[in-house]
Amino acid sequence: MKIILALIGYALADIGAAIDAAPSDFEFQIYDGYTIDRATFVKVANSFRAKIAMGVKRGGAGDETINYAQVISWLDAGITEDFDPPASNGVLYNNGQDWMTYTLSDDSDTCLLTKIAFLAQG
């Protein structure tokens, strides 16, 4: 469990660093012909931070603590409306879109790292 907690900590720190490093004119290309701006990127990143932070309690020994006020803050600053980047003809199904839909779902009985391993195996 210590490894999972460490990975969660690193993930949260990396997402925070990515948000801080994104310039005001930042555009993230999801695939050729579709980008998201900094504001949307920050919303997606905050949604991931909340989802990942809640992973501390999944399968843990029960003594891990979660800063629920921080998680709620990330949720409030995250995606609060439908987020479904359009697919594009001629592009293999958008794996990023699939992964975001999968990990931002409410399947709370599955650890995020288990989902990542499942997706990595194909």
PDB file of N, CA and C in Angstrom:
ATOM      1  N   MET A   1       0.822  -1.199   0.000  1.00  0.00           N
ATOM      2  CA  MET A   1       0.000   0.000   0.000  1.00  0.00           C
ATOM      3  C   MET A   1       0.866   1.263   0.000  1.00  0.00           C
ATOM      4  N   LYS A   2       2.050   1.189   0.622  1.00  0.00           N
ATOM      5  CA  LYS A   2       2.920   2.365   0.650  1.00  0.00           C
ATOM      6  C   LYS A   2       3.307   2.803  -0.755  1.00  0.00           C
ATOM      7  N   ILE A   3       3.496   1.828  -1.651  1.00  0.00           N
ATOM      8  CA  ILE A   3       3.856   2.173  -3.031  1.00  0.00           C
ATOM      9  C   ILE A   3       2.704   2.917  -3.697  1.00  0.00           C
ATOM     10  N   ILE A   4       1.493   2.445  -3.502  1.00  0.00           N
ATOM     11  CA  ILE A   4       0.335   3.111  -4.102  1.00  0.00           C
ATOM     12  C   ILE A   4       0.192   4.523  -3.548  1.00  0.00           C
ATOM     13  N   LEU A   5       0.348   4.682  -2.241  1.00  0.00           N
ATOM     14  CA  LEU A   5       0.250   6.020  -1.642  1.00  0.00           C
ATOM     15  C   LEU A   5       1.333   6.941  -2.197  1.00  0.00           C
ATOM     16  N   ALA A   6       2.540   6.402  -2.389  1.00  0.00           N
ATOM     17  CA  ALA A   6       3.611   7.216  -2.961  1.00  0.00           C
ATOM     18  C   ALA A   6       3.283   7.614  -4.394  1.00  0.00           C
ATOM     19  N   LEU A   7       2.775   6.663  -5.188  1.00  0.00           N
ATOM     20  CA  LEU A   7       2.404   6.972  -6.572  1.00  0.00           C
ATOM     21  C   LEU A   7       1.299   8.024  -6.634  1.00  0.00           C
ATOM     22  N   ILE A   8       0.343   7.909  -5.744  1.00  0.00           N
ATOM     23  CA  ILE A   8      -0.736   8.903  -5.698  1.00  0.00           C
ATOM     24  C   ILE A   8      -0.156  10.276  -5.356  1.00  0.00           C
ATOM     25  N   GLY A   9       0.738  10.314  -4.388  1.00  0.00           N
ATOM     26  CA  GLY A   9       1.376  11.583  -4.023  1.00  0.00           C
ATOM     27  C   GLY A   9       2.145  12.197  -5.178  1.00  0.00           C
ATOM     28  N   TYR A  10       2.912  11.358  -5.895  1.00  0.00           N
ATOM     29  CA  TYR A  10       3.662  11.855  -7.056  1.00  0.00           C
ATOM     30  C   TYR A  10       2.715  12.336  -8.152  1.00  0.00           C
ATOM     31  N   ALA A  11       1.648  11.595  -8.384  1.00  0.00           N
ATOM     32  CA  ALA A  11       0.689  11.984  -9.423  1.00  0.00           C
ATOM     33  C   ALA A  11       0.066  13.337  -9.107  1.00  0.00           C
ATOM     34  N   LEU A  12      -0.344  13.531  -7.859  1.00  0.00           N
ATOM     35  CA  LEU A  12      -0.955  14.803  -7.466  1.00  0.00           C
ATOM     36  C   LEU A  12       0.043  15.952  -7.609  1.00  0.00           C
ATOM     37  N   ALA A  13       1.282  15.705  -7.226  1.00  0.00           N
ATOM     38  CA  ALA A  13       2.312  16.743  -7.358  1.00  0.00           C
ATOM     39  C   ALA A  13       2.573  17.061  -8.830  1.00  0.00           C
ATOM     40  N   ASP A  14       2.647  16.030  -9.668  1.00  0.00           N
ATOM     41  CA  ASP A  14       2.897  16.243 -11.094  1.00  0.00           C
ATOM     42  C   ASP A  14       1.755  17.001 -11.765  1.00  0.00           C
ATOM     43  N   ILE A  15       0.529  16.676 -11.406  1.00  0.00           N
ATOM     44  CA  ILE A  15      -0.613  17.390 -12.000  1.00  0.00           C
ATOM     45  C   ILE A  15      -0.578  18.859 -11.581  1.00  0.00           C
ATOM     46  N   GLY A  16      -0.295  19.106 -10.310  1.00  0.00           N
ATOM     47  CA  GLY A  16      -0.171  20.491  -9.849  1.00  0.00           C
ATOM     48  C   GLY A  16       0.923  21.232 -10.596  1.00  0.00           C
ATOM     49  N   ALA A  17       2.060  20.570 -10.810  1.00  0.00           N
ATOM     50  CA  ALA A  17       3.164  21.188 -11.541  1.00  0.00           C
ATOM     51  C   ALA A  17       2.783  21.466 -12.991  1.00  0.00           C
ATOM     52  N   ALA A  18       2.028  20.550 -13.602  1.00  0.00           N
ATOM     53  CA  ALA A  18       1.592  20.748 -14.997  1.00  0.00           C
ATOM     54  C   ALA A  18       0.667  21.953 -15.106  1.00  0.00           C
ATOM     55  N   ILE A  19      -0.236  22.087 -14.148  1.00  0.00           N
ATOM     56  CA  ILE A  19      -1.132  23.254 -14.152  1.00  0.00           C
ATOM     57  C   ILE A  19      -0.321  24.532 -14.006  1.00  0.00           C
ATOM     58  N   ASP A  20       0.612  24.528 -13.053  1.00  0.00           N
ATOM     59  CA  ASP A  20       1.429  25.725 -12.813  1.00  0.00           C
ATOM     60  C   ASP A  20       2.288  26.081 -14.020  1.00  0.00           C
ATOM     61  N   ALA A  21       2.742  25.077 -14.755  1.00  0.00           N
ATOM     62  CA  ALA A  21       3.640  25.315 -15.887  1.00  0.00           C
ATOM     63  C   ALA A  21       2.908  25.699 -17.169  1.00  0.00           C
ATOM     64  N   ALA A  22       1.613  25.454 -17.241  1.00  0.00           N
ATOM     65  CA  ALA A  22       0.865  25.733 -18.478  1.00  0.00           C
ATOM     66  C   ALA A  22       0.728  27.246 -18.683  1.00  0.00           C
ATOM     67  N   PRO A  23       1.270  27.759 -19.780  1.00  0.00           N
ATOM     68  CA  PRO A  23       1.166  29.205 -20.033  1.00  0.00           C
ATOM     69  C   PRO A  23      -0.268  29.608 -20.376  1.00  0.00           C
ATOM     70  N   SER A  24      -0.533  30.891 -20.313  1.00  0.00           N
ATOM     71  CA  SER A  24      -1.900  31.382 -20.555  1.00  0.00           C
ATOM     72  C   SER A  24      -2.389  31.066 -21.961  1.00  0.00           C
ATOM     73  N   ASP A  25      -1.470  30.971 -22.927  1.00  0.00           N
ATOM     74  CA  ASP A  25      -1.872  30.664 -24.310  1.00  0.00           C
ATOM     75  C   ASP A  25      -1.735  29.172 -24.621  1.00  0.00           C
ATOM     76  N   PHE A  26      -1.711  28.358 -23.591  1.00  0.00           N
ATOM     77  CA  PHE A  26      -1.539  26.914 -23.706  1.00  0.00           C
ATOM     78  C   PHE A  26      -2.670  26.285 -24.516  1.00  0.00           C
ATOM     79  N   GLU A  27      -2.315  25.394 -25.420  1.00  0.00           N
ATOM     80  CA  GLU A  27      -3.277  24.571 -26.149  1.00  0.00           C
ATOM     81  C   GLU A  27      -2.758  23.146 -26.136  1.00  0.00           C
ATOM     82  N   PHE A  28      -3.623  22.204 -25.810  1.00  0.00           N
ATOM     83  CA  PHE A  28      -3.251  20.797 -25.759  1.00  0.00           C
ATOM     84  C   PHE A  28      -3.959  20.081 -26.892  1.00  0.00           C
ATOM     85  N   GLN A  29      -3.180  19.489 -27.782  1.00  0.00           N
ATOM     86  CA  GLN A  29      -3.756  18.780 -28.917  1.00  0.00           C
ATOM     87  C   GLN A  29      -4.124  17.367 -28.484  1.00  0.00           C
ATOM     88  N   ILE A  30      -5.415  17.069 -28.483  1.00  0.00           N
ATOM     89  CA  ILE A  30      -5.877  15.730 -28.150  1.00  0.00           C
ATOM     90  C   ILE A  30      -5.638  14.820 -29.351  1.00  0.00           C
ATOM     91  N   TYR A  31      -5.907  15.307 -30.541  1.00  0.00           N
ATOM     92  CA  TYR A  31      -5.540  14.657 -31.791  1.00  0.00           C
ATOM     93  C   TYR A  31      -5.570  15.711 -32.865  1.00  0.00           C
ATOM     94  N   ASP A  32      -5.066  15.378 -34.043  1.00  0.00           N
ATOM     95  CA  ASP A  32      -4.978  16.339 -35.127  1.00  0.00           C
ATOM     96  C   ASP A  32      -6.353  16.943 -35.411  1.00  0.00           C
ATOM     97  N   GLY A  33      -6.458  18.238 -35.249  1.00  0.00           N
ATOM     98  CA  GLY A  33      -7.715  18.921 -35.525  1.00  0.00           C
ATOM     99  C   GLY A  33      -8.553  19.226 -34.284  1.00  0.00           C
ATOM    100  N   TYR A  34      -8.115  18.784 -33.090  1.00  0.00           N
ATOM    101  CA  TYR A  34      -8.886  19.081 -31.876  1.00  0.00           C
ATOM    102  C   TYR A  34      -7.941  19.396 -30.722  1.00  0.00           C
ATOM    103  N   THR A  35      -8.082  20.586 -30.185  1.00  0.00           N
ATOM    104  CA  THR A  35      -7.275  21.005 -29.048  1.00  0.00           C
ATOM    105  C   THR A  35      -8.184  21.516 -27.933  1.00  0.00           C
ATOM    106  N   ILE A  36      -7.625  21.551 -26.731  1.00  0.00           N
ATOM    107  CA  ILE A  36      -8.322  22.200 -25.622  1.00  0.00           C
ATOM    108  C   ILE A  36      -7.439  23.336 -25.132  1.00  0.00           C
ATOM    109  N   ASP A  37      -8.078  24.384 -24.626  1.00  0.00           N
ATOM    110  CA  ASP A  37      -7.327  25.529 -24.136  1.00  0.00           C
ATOM    111  C   ASP A  37      -6.908  25.307 -22.678  1.00  0.00           C
ATOM    112  N   ARG A  38      -6.197  26.278 -22.125  1.00  0.00           N
ATOM    113  CA  ARG A  38      -5.679  26.143 -20.766  1.00  0.00           C
ATOM    114  C   ARG A  38      -6.802  25.971 -19.757  1.00  0.00           C
ATOM    115  N   ALA A  39      -7.869  26.737 -19.896  1.00  0.00           N
ATOM    116  CA  ALA A  39      -8.971  26.662 -18.934  1.00  0.00           C
ATOM    117  C   ALA A  39      -9.577  25.256 -18.889  1.00  0.00           C
ATOM    118  N   THR A  40      -9.773  24.656 -20.056  1.00  0.00           N
ATOM    119  CA  THR A  40     -10.319  23.298 -20.106  1.00  0.00           C
ATOM    120  C   THR A  40      -9.303  22.295 -19.568  1.00  0.00           C
ATOM    121  N   PHE A  41      -8.031  22.490 -19.917  1.00  0.00           N
ATOM    122  CA  PHE A  41      -6.976  21.619 -19.395  1.00  0.00           C
ATOM    123  C   PHE A  41      -6.970  21.643 -17.867  1.00  0.00           C
ATOM    124  N   VAL A  42      -7.071  22.814 -17.285  1.00  0.00           N
ATOM    125  CA  VAL A  42      -7.059  22.938 -15.820  1.00  0.00           C
ATOM    126  C   VAL A  42      -8.271  22.229 -15.216  1.00  0.00           C
ATOM    127  N   LYS A  43      -9.427  22.347 -15.858  1.00  0.00           N
ATOM    128  CA  LYS A  43     -10.609  21.643 -15.362  1.00  0.00           C
ATOM    129  C   LYS A  43     -10.415  20.121 -15.393  1.00  0.00           C
ATOM    130  N   VAL A  44      -9.901  19.616 -16.505  1.00  0.00           N
ATOM    131  CA  VAL A  44      -9.655  18.179 -16.617  1.00  0.00           C
ATOM    132  C   VAL A  44      -8.627  17.750 -15.563  1.00  0.00           C
ATOM    133  N   ALA A  45      -7.566  18.523 -15.423  1.00  0.00           N
ATOM    134  CA  ALA A  45      -6.520  18.195 -14.446  1.00  0.00           C
ATOM    135  C   ALA A  45      -7.070  18.179 -13.026  1.00  0.00           C
ATOM    136  N   ASN A  46      -7.898  19.147 -12.676  1.00  0.00           N
ATOM    137  CA  ASN A  46      -8.492  19.173 -11.338  1.00  0.00           C
ATOM    138  C   ASN A  46      -9.424  17.989 -11.109  1.00  0.00           C
ATOM    139  N   SER A  47     -10.154  17.592 -12.127  1.00  0.00           N
ATOM    140  CA  SER A  47     -11.013  16.415 -11.998  1.00  0.00           C
ATOM    141  C   SER A  47     -10.174  15.169 -11.745  1.00  0.00           C
ATOM    142  N   PHE A  48      -9.055  15.062 -12.459  1.00  0.00           N
ATOM    143  CA  PHE A  48      -8.159  13.927 -12.228  1.00  0.00           C
ATOM    144  C   PHE A  48      -7.559  13.975 -10.828  1.00  0.00           C
ATOM    145  N   ARG A  49      -7.187  15.173 -10.362  1.00  0.00           N
ATOM    146  CA  ARG A  49      -6.622  15.267  -9.009  1.00  0.00           C
ATOM    147  C   ARG A  49      -7.611  14.745  -7.977  1.00  0.00           C
ATOM    148  N   ALA A  50      -8.873  15.135  -8.105  1.00  0.00           N
ATOM    149  CA  ALA A  50      -9.888  14.675  -7.148  1.00  0.00           C
ATOM    150  C   ALA A  50     -10.054  13.163  -7.227  1.00  0.00           C
ATOM    151  N   LYS A  51     -10.138  12.643  -8.443  1.00  0.00           N
ATOM    152  CA  LYS A  51     -10.316  11.201  -8.632  1.00  0.00           C
ATOM    153  C   LYS A  51      -9.126  10.428  -8.069  1.00  0.00           C
ATOM    154  N   ILE A  52      -7.927  10.878  -8.360  1.00  0.00           N
ATOM    155  CA  ILE A  52      -6.725  10.189  -7.891  1.00  0.00           C
ATOM    156  C   ILE A  52      -6.614  10.282  -6.371  1.00  0.00           C
ATOM    157  N   ALA A  53      -6.883  11.450  -5.804  1.00  0.00           N
ATOM    158  CA  ALA A  53      -6.783  11.624  -4.349  1.00  0.00           C
ATOM    159  C   ALA A  53      -7.735  10.692  -3.611  1.00  0.00           C
ATOM    160  N   MET A  54      -8.906  10.463  -4.159  1.00  0.00           N
ATOM    161  CA  MET A  54      -9.861   9.570  -3.516  1.00  0.00           C
ATOM    162  C   MET A  54      -9.397   8.118  -3.571  1.00  0.00           C
ATOM    163  N   GLY A  55      -8.452   7.810  -4.441  1.00  0.00           N
ATOM    164  CA  GLY A  55      -7.902   6.467  -4.535  1.00  0.00           C
ATOM    165  C   GLY A  55      -7.155   6.034  -3.288  1.00  0.00           C
ATOM    166  N   VAL A  56      -6.806   6.982  -2.427  1.00  0.00           N
ATOM    167  CA  VAL A  56      -6.116   6.658  -1.182  1.00  0.00           C
ATOM    168  C   VAL A  56      -6.955   5.705  -0.341  1.00  0.00           C
ATOM    169  N   LYS A  57      -8.253   5.868  -0.345  1.00  0.00           N
ATOM    170  CA  LYS A  57      -9.130   5.050   0.493  1.00  0.00           C
ATOM    171  C   LYS A  57      -9.468   3.702  -0.129  1.00  0.00           C
ATOM    172  N   ARG A  58      -9.253   3.542  -1.399  1.00  0.00           N
ATOM    173  CA  ARG A  58      -9.630   2.292  -2.067  1.00  0.00           C
ATOM    174  C   ARG A  58      -8.621   1.200  -1.765  1.00  0.00           C
ATOM    175  N   GLY A  59      -9.044   0.223  -1.047  1.00  0.00           N
ATOM    176  CA  GLY A  59      -8.175  -0.901  -0.766  1.00  0.00           C
ATOM    177  C   GLY A  59      -7.132  -0.642   0.287  1.00  0.00           C
ATOM    178  N   GLY A  60      -7.212   0.510   0.952  1.00  0.00           N
ATOM    179  CA  GLY A  60      -6.228   0.848   1.969  1.00  0.00           C
ATOM    180  C   GLY A  60      -6.543   0.189   3.303  1.00  0.00           C
ATOM    181  N   ALA A  61      -5.635   0.401   4.225  1.00  0.00           N
ATOM    182  CA  ALA A  61      -5.776  -0.192   5.551  1.00  0.00           C
ATOM    183  C   ALA A  61      -6.806   0.537   6.403  1.00  0.00           C
ATOM    184  N   GLY A  62      -7.304   1.643   5.922  1.00  0.00           N
ATOM    185  CA  GLY A  62      -8.315   2.382   6.666  1.00  0.00           C
ATOM    186  C   GLY A  62      -7.743   3.501   7.511  1.00  0.00           C
ATOM    187  N   ASP A  63      -6.417   3.579   7.607  1.00  0.00           N
ATOM    188  CA  ASP A  63      -5.829   4.643   8.411  1.00  0.00           C
ATOM    189  C   ASP A  63      -5.295   5.797   7.558  1.00  0.00           C
ATOM    190  N   GLU A  64      -5.479   5.715   6.245  1.00  0.00           N
ATOM    191  CA  GLU A  64      -5.075   6.809   5.376  1.00  0.00           C
ATOM    192  C   GLU A  64      -6.059   7.961   5.542  1.00  0.00           C
ATOM    193  N   THR A  65      -5.580   9.157   5.375  1.00  0.00           N
ATOM    194  CA  THR A  65      -6.460  10.312   5.503  1.00  0.00           C
ATOM    195  C   THR A  65      -6.557  11.022   4.165  1.00  0.00           C
ATOM    196  N   ILE A  66      -7.708  11.601   3.947  1.00  0.00           N
ATOM    197  CA  ILE A  66      -7.963  12.374   2.741  1.00  0.00           C
ATOM    198  C   ILE A  66      -8.392  13.764   3.176  1.00  0.00           C
ATOM    199  N   ASN A  67      -7.844  14.762   2.537  1.00  0.00           N
ATOM    200  CA  ASN A  67      -8.269  16.137   2.784  1.00  0.00           C
ATOM    201  C   ASN A  67      -9.505  16.379   1.907  1.00  0.00           C
ATOM    202  N   TYR A  68     -10.665  16.090   2.482  1.00  0.00           N
ATOM    203  CA  TYR A  68     -11.904  16.181   1.704  1.00  0.00           C
ATOM    204  C   TYR A  68     -12.187  17.603   1.230  1.00  0.00           C
ATOM    205  N   ALA A  69     -11.798  18.590   2.023  1.00  0.00           N
ATOM    206  CA  ALA A  69     -12.000  19.981   1.595  1.00  0.00           C
ATOM    207  C   ALA A  69     -11.206  20.250   0.312  1.00  0.00           C
ATOM    208  N   GLN A  70      -9.988  19.703   0.233  1.00  0.00           N
ATOM    209  CA  GLN A  70      -9.172  19.880  -0.972  1.00  0.00           C
ATOM    210  C   GLN A  70      -9.794  19.153  -2.153  1.00  0.00           C
ATOM    211  N   VAL A  71     -10.264  17.944  -1.920  1.00  0.00           N
ATOM    212  CA  VAL A  71     -10.897  17.173  -2.994  1.00  0.00           C
ATOM    213  C   VAL A  71     -12.121  17.909  -3.524  1.00  0.00           C
ATOM    214  N   ILE A  72     -12.943  18.429  -2.636  1.00  0.00           N
ATOM    215  CA  ILE A  72     -14.139  19.177  -3.058  1.00  0.00           C
ATOM    216  C   ILE A  72     -13.735  20.431  -3.828  1.00  0.00           C
ATOM    217  N   SER A  73     -12.659  21.068  -3.397  1.00  0.00           N
ATOM    218  CA  SER A  73     -12.164  22.244  -4.112  1.00  0.00           C
ATOM    219  C   SER A  73     -11.752  21.874  -5.538  1.00  0.00           C
ATOM    220  N   TRP A  74     -11.051  20.742  -5.682  1.00  0.00           N
ATOM    221  CA  TRP A  74     -10.662  20.290  -7.020  1.00  0.00           C
ATOM    222  C   TRP A  74     -11.887  19.938  -7.859  1.00  0.00           C
ATOM    223  N   LEU A  75     -12.882  19.310  -7.236  1.00  0.00           N
ATOM    224  CA  LEU A  75     -14.110  18.976  -7.972  1.00  0.00           C
ATOM    225  C   LEU A  75     -14.824  20.236  -8.454  1.00  0.00           C
ATOM    226  N   ASP A  76     -14.910  21.227  -7.573  1.00  0.00           N
ATOM    227  CA  ASP A  76     -15.568  22.489  -7.943  1.00  0.00           C
ATOM    228  C   ASP A  76     -14.831  23.199  -9.077  1.00  0.00           C
ATOM    229  N   ALA A  77     -13.502  23.031  -9.121  1.00  0.00           N
ATOM    230  CA  ALA A  77     -12.691  23.658 -10.168  1.00  0.00           C
ATOM    231  C   ALA A  77     -12.487  22.730 -11.364  1.00  0.00           C
ATOM    232  N   GLY A  78     -13.140  21.574 -11.337  1.00  0.00           N
ATOM    233  CA  GLY A  78     -12.979  20.588 -12.404  1.00  0.00           C
ATOM    234  C   GLY A  78     -14.093  20.630 -13.422  1.00  0.00           C
ATOM    235  N   ILE A  79     -14.253  19.526 -14.114  1.00  0.00           N
ATOM    236  CA  ILE A  79     -15.292  19.399 -15.139  1.00  0.00           C
ATOM    237  C   ILE A  79     -16.643  19.301 -14.438  1.00  0.00           C
ATOM    238  N   THR A  80     -17.512  20.242 -14.716  1.00  0.00           N
ATOM    239  CA  THR A  80     -18.837  20.253 -14.095  1.00  0.00           C
ATOM    240  C   THR A  80     -19.953  20.130 -15.126  1.00  0.00           C
ATOM    241  N   GLU A  81     -19.559  19.916 -16.367  1.00  0.00           N
ATOM    242  CA  GLU A  81     -20.520  19.714 -17.443  1.00  0.00           C
ATOM    243  C   GLU A  81     -20.024  18.546 -18.281  1.00  0.00           C
ATOM    244  N   ASP A  82     -20.804  18.092 -19.234  1.00  0.00           N
ATOM    245  CA  ASP A  82     -20.371  16.997 -20.090  1.00  0.00           C
ATOM    246  C   ASP A  82     -19.039  17.341 -20.737  1.00  0.00           C
ATOM    247  N   PHE A  83     -18.125  16.406 -20.720  1.00  0.00           N
ATOM    248  CA  PHE A  83     -16.835  16.573 -21.383  1.00  0.00           C
ATOM    249  C   PHE A  83     -16.648  15.368 -22.284  1.00  0.00           C
ATOM    250  N   ASP A  84     -16.802  15.589 -23.572  1.00  0.00           N
ATOM    251  CA  ASP A  84     -16.742  14.496 -24.520  1.00  0.00           C
ATOM    252  C   ASP A  84     -16.131  15.007 -25.822  1.00  0.00           C
ATOM    253  N   PRO A  85     -14.783  15.072 -25.868  1.00  0.00           N
ATOM    254  CA  PRO A  85     -14.161  15.534 -27.105  1.00  0.00           C
ATOM    255  C   PRO A  85     -14.626  14.694 -28.289  1.00  0.00           C
ATOM    256  N   PRO A  86     -14.939  15.332 -29.398  1.00  0.00           N
ATOM    257  CA  PRO A  86     -15.447  14.576 -30.542  1.00  0.00           C
ATOM    258  C   PRO A  86     -14.383  13.667 -31.143  1.00  0.00           C
ATOM    259  N   ALA A  87     -14.822  12.530 -31.641  1.00  0.00           N
ATOM    260  CA  ALA A  87     -13.928  11.646 -32.381  1.00  0.00           C
ATOM    261  C   ALA A  87     -13.738  12.224 -33.775  1.00  0.00           C
ATOM    262  N   SER A  88     -12.731  11.776 -34.463  1.00  0.00           N
ATOM    263  CA  SER A  88     -12.437  12.295 -35.793  1.00  0.00           C
ATOM    264  C   SER A  88     -12.322  11.142 -36.772  1.00  0.00           C
ATOM    265  N   ASN A  89     -12.937  11.283 -37.947  1.00  0.00           N
ATOM    266  CA  ASN A  89     -12.801  10.256 -38.979  1.00  0.00           C
ATOM    267  C   ASN A  89     -11.334  10.081 -39.339  1.00  0.00           C
ATOM    268  N   GLY A  90     -10.934   8.855 -39.529  1.00  0.00           N
ATOM    269  CA  GLY A  90      -9.561   8.582 -39.916  1.00  0.00           C
ATOM    270  C   GLY A  90      -8.590   8.520 -38.749  1.00  0.00           C
ATOM    271  N   VAL A  91      -9.088   8.707 -37.549  1.00  0.00           N
ATOM    272  CA  VAL A  91      -8.226   8.661 -36.365  1.00  0.00           C
ATOM    273  C   VAL A  91      -8.638   7.453 -35.544  1.00  0.00           C
ATOM    274  N   LEU A  92      -7.653   6.631 -35.182  1.00  0.00           N
ATOM    275  CA  LEU A  92      -7.938   5.515 -34.305  1.00  0.00           C
ATOM    276  C   LEU A  92      -8.675   6.048 -33.089  1.00  0.00           C
ATOM    277  N   TYR A  93      -9.654   5.289 -32.561  1.00  0.00           N
ATOM    278  CA  TYR A  93     -10.466   5.794 -31.450  1.00  0.00           C
ATOM    279  C   TYR A  93      -9.576   6.473 -30.437  1.00  0.00           C
ATOM    280  N   ASN A  94      -9.973   7.632 -30.041  1.00  0.00           N
ATOM    281  CA  ASN A  94      -9.170   8.482 -29.174  1.00  0.00           C
ATOM    282  C   ASN A  94      -8.920   7.809 -27.824  1.00  0.00           C
ATOM    283  N   ASN A  95      -7.725   7.254 -27.643  1.00  0.00           N
ATOM    284  CA  ASN A  95      -7.392   6.576 -26.398  1.00  0.00           C
ATOM    285  C   ASN A  95      -7.437   7.516 -25.209  1.00  0.00           C
ATOM    286  N   GLY A  96      -7.054   8.757 -25.399  1.00  0.00           N
ATOM    287  CA  GLY A  96      -7.126   9.727 -24.301  1.00  0.00           C
ATOM    288  C   GLY A  96      -8.556   9.928 -23.848  1.00  0.00           C
ATOM    289  N   GLN A  97      -9.466  10.045 -24.816  1.00  0.00           N
ATOM    290  CA  GLN A  97     -10.878  10.214 -24.488  1.00  0.00           C
ATOM    291  C   GLN A  97     -11.398   8.981 -23.758  1.00  0.00           C
ATOM    292  N   ASP A  98     -11.035   7.816 -24.257  1.00  0.00           N
ATOM    293  CA  ASP A  98     -11.470   6.580 -23.632  1.00  0.00           C
ATOM    294  C   ASP A  98     -10.952   6.494 -22.206  1.00  0.00           C
ATOM    295  N   TRP A  99      -9.671   6.823 -22.018  1.00  0.00           N
ATOM    296  CA  TRP A  99      -9.067   6.751 -20.701  1.00  0.00           C
ATOM    297  C   TRP A  99      -9.721   7.742 -19.744  1.00  0.00           C
ATOM    298  N   MET A 100      -9.984   8.959 -20.224  1.00  0.00           N
ATOM    299  CA  MET A 100     -10.614   9.962 -19.357  1.00  0.00           C
ATOM    300  C   MET A 100     -12.012   9.523 -18.956  1.00  0.00           C
ATOM    301  N   THR A 101     -12.772   9.011 -19.905  1.00  0.00           N
ATOM    302  CA  THR A 101     -14.114   8.547 -19.591  1.00  0.00           C
ATOM    303  C   THR A 101     -14.055   7.413 -18.586  1.00  0.00           C
ATOM    304  N   TYR A 102     -13.115   6.512 -18.797  1.00  0.00           N
ATOM    305  CA  TYR A 102     -12.966   5.342 -17.925  1.00  0.00           C
ATOM    306  C   TYR A 102     -12.542   5.739 -16.516  1.00  0.00           C
ATOM    307  N   THR A 103     -11.552   6.610 -16.408  1.00  0.00           N
ATOM    308  CA  THR A 103     -11.041   6.960 -15.085  1.00  0.00           C
ATOM    309  C   THR A 103     -11.872   8.013 -14.381  1.00  0.00           C
ATOM    310  N   LEU A 104     -12.639   8.787 -15.111  1.00  0.00           N
ATOM    311  CA  LEU A 104     -13.491   9.784 -14.465  1.00  0.00           C
ATOM    312  C   LEU A 104     -14.896   9.235 -14.219  1.00  0.00           C
ATOM    313  N   SER A 105     -15.062   7.929 -14.419  1.00  0.00           N
ATOM    314  CA  SER A 105     -16.350   7.317 -14.122  1.00  0.00           C
ATOM    315  C   SER A 105     -16.489   7.151 -12.615  1.00  0.00           C
ATOM    316  N   ASP A 106     -17.611   6.638 -12.182  1.00  0.00           N
ATOM    317  CA  ASP A 106     -17.836   6.486 -10.740  1.00  0.00           C
ATOM    318  C   ASP A 106     -17.632   5.043 -10.278  1.00  0.00           C
ATOM    319  N   ASP A 107     -16.780   4.304 -10.957  1.00  0.00           N
ATOM    320  CA  ASP A 107     -16.502   2.923 -10.599  1.00  0.00           C
ATOM    321  C   ASP A 107     -15.583   2.902  -9.372  1.00  0.00           C
ATOM    322  N   SER A 108     -16.124   3.256  -8.222  1.00  0.00           N
ATOM    323  CA  SER A 108     -15.309   3.513  -7.042  1.00  0.00           C
ATOM    324  C   SER A 108     -14.724   2.275  -6.393  1.00  0.00           C
ATOM    325  N   ASP A 109     -15.124   1.092  -6.809  1.00  0.00           N
ATOM    326  CA  ASP A 109     -14.571  -0.101  -6.170  1.00  0.00           C
ATOM    327  C   ASP A 109     -13.282  -0.577  -6.829  1.00  0.00           C
ATOM    328  N   THR A 110     -12.815   0.123  -7.842  1.00  0.00           N
ATOM    329  CA  THR A 110     -11.608  -0.274  -8.538  1.00  0.00           C
ATOM    330  C   THR A 110     -10.540   0.793  -8.357  1.00  0.00           C
ATOM    331  N   CYS A 111      -9.375   0.392  -7.911  1.00  0.00           N
ATOM    332  CA  CYS A 111      -8.255   1.313  -7.729  1.00  0.00           C
ATOM    333  C   CYS A 111      -7.819   1.864  -9.082  1.00  0.00           C
ATOM    334  N   LEU A 112      -7.503   3.135  -9.144  1.00  0.00           N
ATOM    335  CA  LEU A 112      -7.071   3.774 -10.381  1.00  0.00           C
ATOM    336  C   LEU A 112      -5.863   3.051 -10.973  1.00  0.00           C
ATOM    337  N   LEU A 113      -4.948   2.617 -10.120  1.00  0.00           N
ATOM    338  CA  LEU A 113      -3.757   1.943 -10.635  1.00  0.00           C
ATOM    339  C   LEU A 113      -4.106   0.614 -11.277  1.00  0.00           C
ATOM    340  N   THR A 114      -5.134  -0.056 -10.791  1.00  0.00           N
ATOM    341  CA  THR A 114      -5.597  -1.290 -11.408  1.00  0.00           C
ATOM    342  C   THR A 114      -6.139  -0.980 -12.800  1.00  0.00           C
ATOM    343  N   LYS A 115      -6.875   0.122 -12.924  1.00  0.00           N
ATOM    344  CA  LYS A 115      -7.406   0.512 -14.223  1.00  0.00           C
ATOM    345  C   LYS A 115      -6.269   0.827 -15.195  1.00  0.00           C
ATOM    346  N   ILE A 116      -5.249   1.536 -14.717  1.00  0.00           N
ATOM    347  CA  ILE A 116      -4.128   1.872 -15.583  1.00  0.00           C
ATOM    348  C   ILE A 116      -3.445   0.599 -16.071  1.00  0.00           C
ATOM    349  N   ALA A 117      -3.224  -0.352 -15.160  1.00  0.00           N
ATOM    350  CA  ALA A 117      -2.595  -1.613 -15.546  1.00  0.00           C
ATOM    351  C   ALA A 117      -3.456  -2.353 -16.571  1.00  0.00           C
ATOM    352  N   PHE A 118      -4.771  -2.356 -16.377  1.00  0.00           N
ATOM    353  CA  PHE A 118      -5.681  -3.004 -17.316  1.00  0.00           C
ATOM    354  C   PHE A 118      -5.567  -2.362 -18.703  1.00  0.00           C
ATOM    355  N   LEU A 119      -5.582  -1.030 -18.745  1.00  0.00           N
ATOM    356  CA  LEU A 119      -5.497  -0.340 -20.027  1.00  0.00           C
ATOM    357  C   LEU A 119      -4.135  -0.566 -20.680  1.00  0.00           C
ATOM    358  N   ALA A 120      -3.069  -0.629 -19.886  1.00  0.00           N
ATOM    359  CA  ALA A 120      -1.730  -0.840 -20.437  1.00  0.00           C
ATOM    360  C   ALA A 120      -1.586  -2.218 -21.063  1.00  0.00           C
ATOM    361  N   GLN A 121      -2.319  -3.196 -20.532  1.00  0.00           N
ATOM    362  CA  GLN A 121      -2.254  -4.539 -21.067  1.00  0.00           C
ATOM    363  C   GLN A 121      -3.018  -4.677 -22.371  1.00  0.00           C
ATOM    364  N   GLY A 122      -3.854  -3.696 -22.681  1.00  0.00           N
ATOM    365  CA  GLY A 122      -4.596  -3.705 -23.927  1.00  0.00           C
ATOM    366  C   GLY A 122      -5.849  -4.474 -23.788  1.00  0.00           C
TER     367      GLY A 122
END
